[in-house]
Protein backbone atom coordinates (compact mmCIF):
# COMPACT_ATOMS: atom_id res chain seq x y z
CA UNK A 1 -25.34 45.06 84.67
CA UNK A 2 -27.99 45.70 82.03
CA UNK A 3 -27.65 48.74 79.78
CA UNK A 4 -30.54 51.13 79.22
CA UNK A 5 -30.96 49.64 75.74
CA UNK A 6 -31.27 46.12 77.14
CA UNK A 7 -33.76 47.27 79.74
CA UNK A 8 -35.84 48.92 77.03
CA UNK A 9 -35.82 45.70 75.01
CA UNK A 10 -36.83 43.60 78.00
CA UNK A 11 -39.63 46.04 78.78
CA UNK A 12 -40.98 45.77 75.23
CA UNK A 13 -40.67 41.97 75.28
CA UNK A 14 -42.68 41.88 78.49
CA UNK A 15 -45.40 44.11 77.10
CA UNK A 16 -45.92 41.85 74.08
CA UNK A 17 -45.92 38.70 76.21
CA UNK A 18 -48.61 40.24 78.43
CA UNK A 19 -50.60 41.51 75.46
CA UNK A 20 -49.58 42.53 71.92
CA UNK A 21 -52.33 45.16 72.03
CA UNK A 22 -50.82 46.61 75.21
CA UNK A 23 -47.40 46.84 73.52
CA UNK A 24 -48.98 48.65 70.56
CA UNK A 25 -50.90 51.09 72.75
CA UNK A 26 -47.88 51.95 74.91
CA UNK A 27 -45.41 52.32 72.04
CA UNK A 28 -47.89 54.34 69.99
CA UNK A 29 -48.35 56.78 72.83
CA UNK A 30 -44.58 57.00 73.42
CA UNK A 31 -43.91 57.70 69.75
CA UNK A 32 -46.85 59.94 68.85
CA UNK A 33 -48.02 61.28 72.22
CA UNK A 34 -51.61 60.32 71.55
CA UNK A 35 -53.82 57.28 71.99
CA UNK A 36 -54.22 54.94 69.04
CA UNK A 37 -57.69 54.36 67.62
CA UNK A 38 -57.79 50.63 66.85
CA UNK A 39 -61.56 50.58 66.38
CA UNK A 40 -61.54 53.17 63.62
CA UNK A 41 -57.93 53.37 62.37
CA UNK A 42 -57.31 56.07 59.77
CA UNK A 43 -53.58 56.59 59.27
CA UNK A 44 -51.20 54.03 57.76
CA UNK A 45 -49.44 53.53 61.09
CA UNK A 46 -52.76 52.92 62.85
CA UNK A 47 -53.85 50.45 60.18
CA UNK A 48 -50.51 48.62 60.35
CA UNK A 49 -51.07 48.15 64.08
CA UNK A 50 -54.57 46.84 63.40
CA UNK A 51 -53.19 44.40 60.83
CA UNK A 52 -50.59 43.12 63.32
CA UNK A 53 -53.43 42.09 65.60
CA UNK A 54 -55.99 40.87 63.07
CA UNK A 55 -54.29 40.03 59.78
CA UNK A 56 -50.57 39.35 60.07
CA UNK A 57 -50.53 37.09 63.12
CA UNK A 58 -52.00 33.99 61.42
CA UNK A 59 -51.27 34.77 57.76
CA UNK A 60 -48.94 32.08 56.43
CA UNK A 61 -48.02 34.01 53.28
CA UNK A 62 -47.16 37.16 55.22
CA UNK A 63 -44.97 35.09 57.57
CA UNK A 64 -43.21 33.50 54.60
CA UNK A 65 -42.65 36.79 52.80
CA UNK A 66 -41.41 38.62 55.92
CA UNK A 67 -38.71 35.93 56.16
CA UNK A 68 -35.75 37.10 54.05
CA UNK A 69 -34.83 33.47 53.39
CA UNK A 70 -38.21 31.88 52.66
CA UNK A 71 -39.40 34.87 50.60
CA UNK A 72 -37.01 33.75 47.88
CA UNK A 73 -39.33 30.82 47.15
CA UNK A 74 -42.24 33.26 46.77
CA UNK A 75 -40.24 35.48 44.40
CA UNK A 76 -39.37 32.41 42.32
CA UNK A 77 -43.02 31.33 42.27
CA UNK A 78 -43.97 34.79 40.97
CA UNK A 79 -41.65 34.26 38.00
CA UNK A 80 -39.03 36.71 39.24
CA UNK A 81 -36.23 34.37 40.25
CA UNK A 82 -33.86 36.33 37.99
CA UNK A 83 -33.94 39.35 40.36
CA UNK A 84 -32.73 37.36 43.39
CA UNK A 85 -29.22 38.15 44.57
CA UNK A 86 -27.13 34.94 44.61
CA UNK A 87 -26.69 33.32 48.03
CA UNK A 88 -23.20 32.16 48.97
CA UNK A 89 -23.98 30.27 52.17
CA UNK A 90 -26.49 30.06 55.03
CA UNK A 91 -25.85 29.53 58.74
CA UNK A 92 -27.78 29.32 62.00
CA UNK A 93 -25.06 30.71 64.26
CA UNK A 94 -22.19 33.08 63.68
CA UNK A 95 -19.80 30.41 64.95
CA UNK A 96 -20.54 28.38 61.79
CA UNK A 97 -18.97 31.02 59.54
CA UNK A 98 -15.72 30.03 57.83
CA UNK A 99 -14.33 33.33 56.67
CA UNK A 100 -11.98 31.79 54.11
CA UNK A 101 -15.04 30.40 52.26
CA UNK A 102 -16.42 33.90 51.72
CA UNK A 103 -15.29 36.23 48.91
CA UNK A 104 -13.51 39.52 49.52
CA UNK A 105 -16.82 41.40 49.49
CA UNK A 106 -20.14 40.06 50.74
CA UNK A 107 -23.20 40.81 52.82
CA UNK A 108 -24.37 38.91 55.90
CA UNK A 109 -27.97 39.38 56.97
CA UNK A 110 -30.37 37.68 59.32
CA UNK A 111 -33.69 36.62 57.83
CA UNK A 112 -35.81 38.27 60.52
CA UNK A 113 -36.53 41.81 61.61
CA UNK A 114 -34.88 45.07 60.72
CA UNK A 115 -31.14 45.66 60.98
CA UNK A 116 -28.53 43.08 61.82
CA UNK A 117 -26.85 43.37 58.40
CA UNK A 118 -23.10 43.27 57.94
CA UNK A 119 -21.83 44.77 54.68
CA UNK A 120 -18.22 43.79 54.04
CA UNK A 121 -16.46 45.70 51.26
CA UNK A 122 -12.98 44.36 52.10
CA UNK A 123 -12.60 41.15 54.08
CA UNK A 124 -8.93 41.88 54.85
CA UNK A 125 -10.03 44.95 56.85
CA UNK A 126 -12.93 43.26 58.62
CA UNK A 127 -12.77 43.03 62.42
CA UNK A 128 -13.98 39.44 62.52
CA UNK A 129 -14.26 39.02 66.33
CA UNK A 130 -16.36 42.19 66.56
CA UNK A 131 -18.42 41.11 63.56
CA UNK A 132 -19.20 37.80 65.27
CA UNK A 133 -20.21 39.61 68.46
CA UNK A 134 -22.58 41.85 66.51
CA UNK A 135 -24.02 38.92 64.58
CA UNK A 136 -24.67 36.89 67.72
CA UNK A 137 -26.07 39.88 69.60
CA UNK A 138 -28.70 40.38 66.91
CA UNK A 139 -29.46 36.64 66.73
CA UNK A 140 -30.42 36.69 70.40
CA UNK A 141 -32.98 39.46 69.96
CA UNK A 142 -36.68 38.63 69.73
CA UNK A 143 -37.72 40.91 66.91
CA UNK A 144 -41.31 39.67 66.92
CA UNK A 145 -41.68 40.85 70.52
CA UNK A 146 -40.02 44.29 70.24
CA UNK A 147 -42.90 45.97 68.44
CA UNK A 148 -45.47 43.14 68.46
CA UNK A 149 -44.67 42.14 64.87
CA UNK A 150 -45.88 38.50 64.72
CA UNK A 151 -44.58 37.99 61.17
CA UNK A 152 -41.01 37.96 62.50
CA UNK A 153 -41.46 34.86 64.63
CA UNK A 154 -39.48 32.35 62.58
CA UNK A 155 -36.54 29.98 62.49
CA UNK A 156 -33.45 32.17 62.39
CA UNK A 157 -31.18 31.90 59.35
CA UNK A 158 -28.06 33.94 58.61
CA UNK A 159 -27.66 34.53 54.87
CA UNK A 160 -24.40 35.33 53.08
CA UNK A 161 -25.10 37.07 49.78
CA UNK A 162 -23.00 38.50 47.01
CA UNK A 163 -22.12 42.18 47.38
CA UNK A 164 -24.01 44.47 45.00
CA UNK A 165 -21.75 47.34 44.01
CA UNK A 166 -23.24 50.75 43.32
CA UNK A 167 -22.13 53.00 40.49
CA UNK A 168 -19.72 54.90 42.76
CA UNK A 169 -18.18 51.71 44.12
CA UNK A 170 -20.08 51.66 47.40
CA UNK A 171 -23.53 50.35 48.25
CA UNK A 172 -26.23 50.73 45.58
CA UNK A 173 -29.18 53.09 45.88
CA UNK A 174 -32.19 51.35 47.36
CA UNK A 175 -35.71 51.85 46.08
CA UNK A 176 -38.61 51.23 48.45
CA UNK A 177 -41.92 50.91 46.61
CA UNK A 178 -45.12 51.58 48.58
CA UNK A 179 -47.81 49.20 47.32
CA UNK A 180 -51.49 49.30 48.23
CA UNK A 181 -53.71 46.33 47.27
CA UNK A 182 -51.30 45.31 44.53
CA UNK A 183 -50.82 48.82 43.11
CA UNK A 184 -47.39 50.49 43.45
CA UNK A 185 -48.19 54.12 44.24
CA UNK A 186 -44.75 55.63 44.79
CA UNK A 187 -41.12 54.85 45.46
CA UNK A 188 -38.92 56.21 48.23
CA UNK A 189 -35.30 56.53 47.12
CA UNK A 190 -32.34 56.74 49.44
CA UNK A 191 -29.57 59.03 48.20
CA UNK A 192 -26.23 60.39 49.46
CA UNK A 193 -25.69 57.59 51.97
CA UNK A 194 -22.01 57.32 51.08
CA UNK A 195 -21.19 61.02 50.86
CA UNK A 196 -22.80 62.22 54.07
CA UNK A 197 -23.27 59.01 56.06
CA UNK A 198 -26.86 60.14 56.52
CA UNK A 199 -29.25 59.32 53.70
CA UNK A 200 -31.70 61.75 52.12
CA UNK A 201 -35.05 60.32 51.05
CA UNK A 202 -37.16 61.50 48.15
CA UNK A 203 -40.49 60.14 46.92
CA UNK A 204 -41.32 59.79 43.22
CA UNK A 205 -44.42 58.56 41.43
CA UNK A 206 -44.43 55.96 38.67
CA UNK A 207 -43.72 58.68 36.07
CA UNK A 208 -40.65 59.75 38.08
CA UNK A 209 -42.19 63.03 39.17
CA UNK A 210 -41.11 64.31 42.59
CA UNK A 211 -43.77 63.93 45.27
CA UNK A 212 -43.60 66.57 47.98
CA UNK A 213 -44.94 64.28 50.67
CA UNK A 214 -41.97 64.21 53.05
CA UNK A 215 -39.67 66.84 54.52
CA UNK A 216 -36.93 66.47 51.90
CA UNK A 217 -39.47 66.63 49.09
CA UNK A 218 -41.12 69.73 50.52
CA UNK A 219 -37.75 71.42 51.02
CA UNK A 220 -36.57 70.71 47.47
CA UNK A 221 -36.36 73.85 45.31
CA UNK A 222 -38.81 74.61 42.53
CA UNK A 223 -38.05 72.49 39.49
CA UNK A 224 -36.00 69.98 41.49
CA UNK A 225 -35.45 66.75 39.61
CA UNK A 226 -33.16 63.74 39.62
CA UNK A 227 -32.28 61.65 36.57
CA UNK A 228 -34.68 58.77 36.03
CA UNK A 229 -32.70 55.62 36.90
CA UNK A 230 -32.26 52.93 34.29
CA UNK A 231 -34.44 50.02 35.34
CA UNK A 232 -36.89 51.94 37.54
CA UNK A 233 -39.86 50.93 35.33
CA UNK A 234 -38.87 47.29 35.89
CA UNK A 235 -38.70 47.97 39.64
CA UNK A 236 -42.32 49.14 39.57
CA UNK A 237 -43.34 46.13 37.47
CA UNK A 238 -41.72 43.69 39.89
CA UNK A 239 -43.30 45.48 42.84
CA UNK A 240 -46.71 45.13 41.23
CA UNK A 241 -46.25 41.38 40.71
CA UNK A 242 -45.01 40.71 44.24
CA UNK A 243 -47.54 42.91 46.06
CA UNK A 244 -50.72 41.43 44.56
CA UNK A 245 -51.92 39.41 47.61
CA UNK A 246 -51.38 42.14 50.21
CA UNK A 247 -53.41 45.19 51.35
CA UNK A 248 -50.09 46.93 52.01
CA UNK A 249 -46.47 46.04 51.54
CA UNK A 250 -43.29 47.97 50.89
CA UNK A 251 -41.28 46.16 48.22
CA UNK A 252 -37.56 46.97 48.43
CA UNK A 253 -35.12 46.69 45.54
CA UNK A 254 -31.63 47.68 44.41
CA UNK A 255 -30.51 48.82 40.98
CA UNK A 256 -27.07 48.26 39.48
CA UNK A 257 -26.51 49.54 35.93
CA UNK A 258 -30.18 49.04 35.13
CA UNK A 259 -30.37 45.55 36.61
CA UNK A 260 -32.98 44.99 39.32
CA UNK A 261 -32.16 43.09 42.51
CA UNK A 262 -34.78 42.07 45.05
CA UNK A 263 -34.20 43.29 48.59
CA UNK A 264 -37.12 42.32 50.82
CA UNK A 265 -40.83 42.73 51.48
CA UNK A 266 -41.60 44.93 54.47
CA UNK A 267 -45.06 44.79 56.02
CA UNK A 268 -44.54 47.13 58.98
CA UNK A 269 -42.02 49.89 58.12
CA UNK A 270 -40.50 51.23 61.36
CA UNK A 271 -42.67 48.73 63.20
CA UNK A 272 -45.70 50.86 62.33
CA UNK A 273 -44.27 53.74 64.38
CA UNK A 274 -42.80 55.97 61.66
CA UNK A 275 -42.27 59.31 63.37
CA UNK A 276 -40.49 60.73 60.32
CA UNK A 277 -43.57 60.45 58.11
CA UNK A 278 -45.57 63.67 57.80
CA UNK A 279 -49.01 63.42 59.48
CA UNK A 280 -50.81 64.33 56.25
CA UNK A 281 -48.86 61.65 54.37
CA UNK A 282 -49.62 59.07 57.04
CA UNK A 283 -53.31 59.87 56.61
CA UNK A 284 -53.09 59.82 52.80
CA UNK A 285 -51.38 56.43 52.84
CA UNK A 286 -53.89 55.16 55.39
CA UNK A 287 -56.80 56.06 53.12
CA UNK A 288 -55.33 53.73 50.47
CA UNK A 289 -55.54 50.68 52.79
CA UNK A 290 -58.95 49.00 52.98
CA UNK A 291 -59.34 46.76 56.01
CA UNK A 292 -62.75 45.32 55.20
CA UNK A 293 -62.73 41.52 55.13
CA UNK A 294 -59.21 41.09 56.51
CA UNK A 295 -60.16 39.68 59.93
């Protein structure tokens, strides 16, 4: 018997197989309760949908850089090989994993789509049968069909990486840099993931000034500030180097004691259906993306 989640996935697969544009129109209406304007897109989410149809689908560099395995070659080519997290092993199926070959702490992640990561902080406590079930369940998904994201159609590779430890012993803070035509405009920082199990996001500009462009930023008290992280200037520099060829990309990084680690390049955050983004911010970001000449 299929679960509601499985039925939803199959429905979205079917929409994309019939027509990627149909998938986009239906999901946009479901998420935003309005029709999408693909002829004259204005917001970032609208322009991301346009780029799925006209720019991403046949762009070899976008396909390479959306692949969490093959993007490493691009990062190396950009002269930033030193920010790559060391890889322990790669696999094509969870059944290939030999747990005794892995260190006590590690990360397993598929090279496609969003999610599917397994962060192991203590191998002796890991429920390995359940971990394998979760790994294989994600492998069987068709991420490129879920939200009509053609850049995720790729050979599937499971990557085992070294665990990056944050200052408090858990996962490090991640820094997601929004880049428009090779210019990093702002960074979204994820805080308090460990303490509250639900992260709080703040946006800062390149001078580390709070931007009140999301709900958390708007709700922050007058004079709110967070210490400028060691290495954040290098994060912006790396984002600028990596984002040069693209009209939009979100470049994701980690920081550990001032050292920068590359995370991934994300071309369609939330599949281009980011309901959490404020409408005025979606429009502001959209105005920064120029679509002329991308077809």
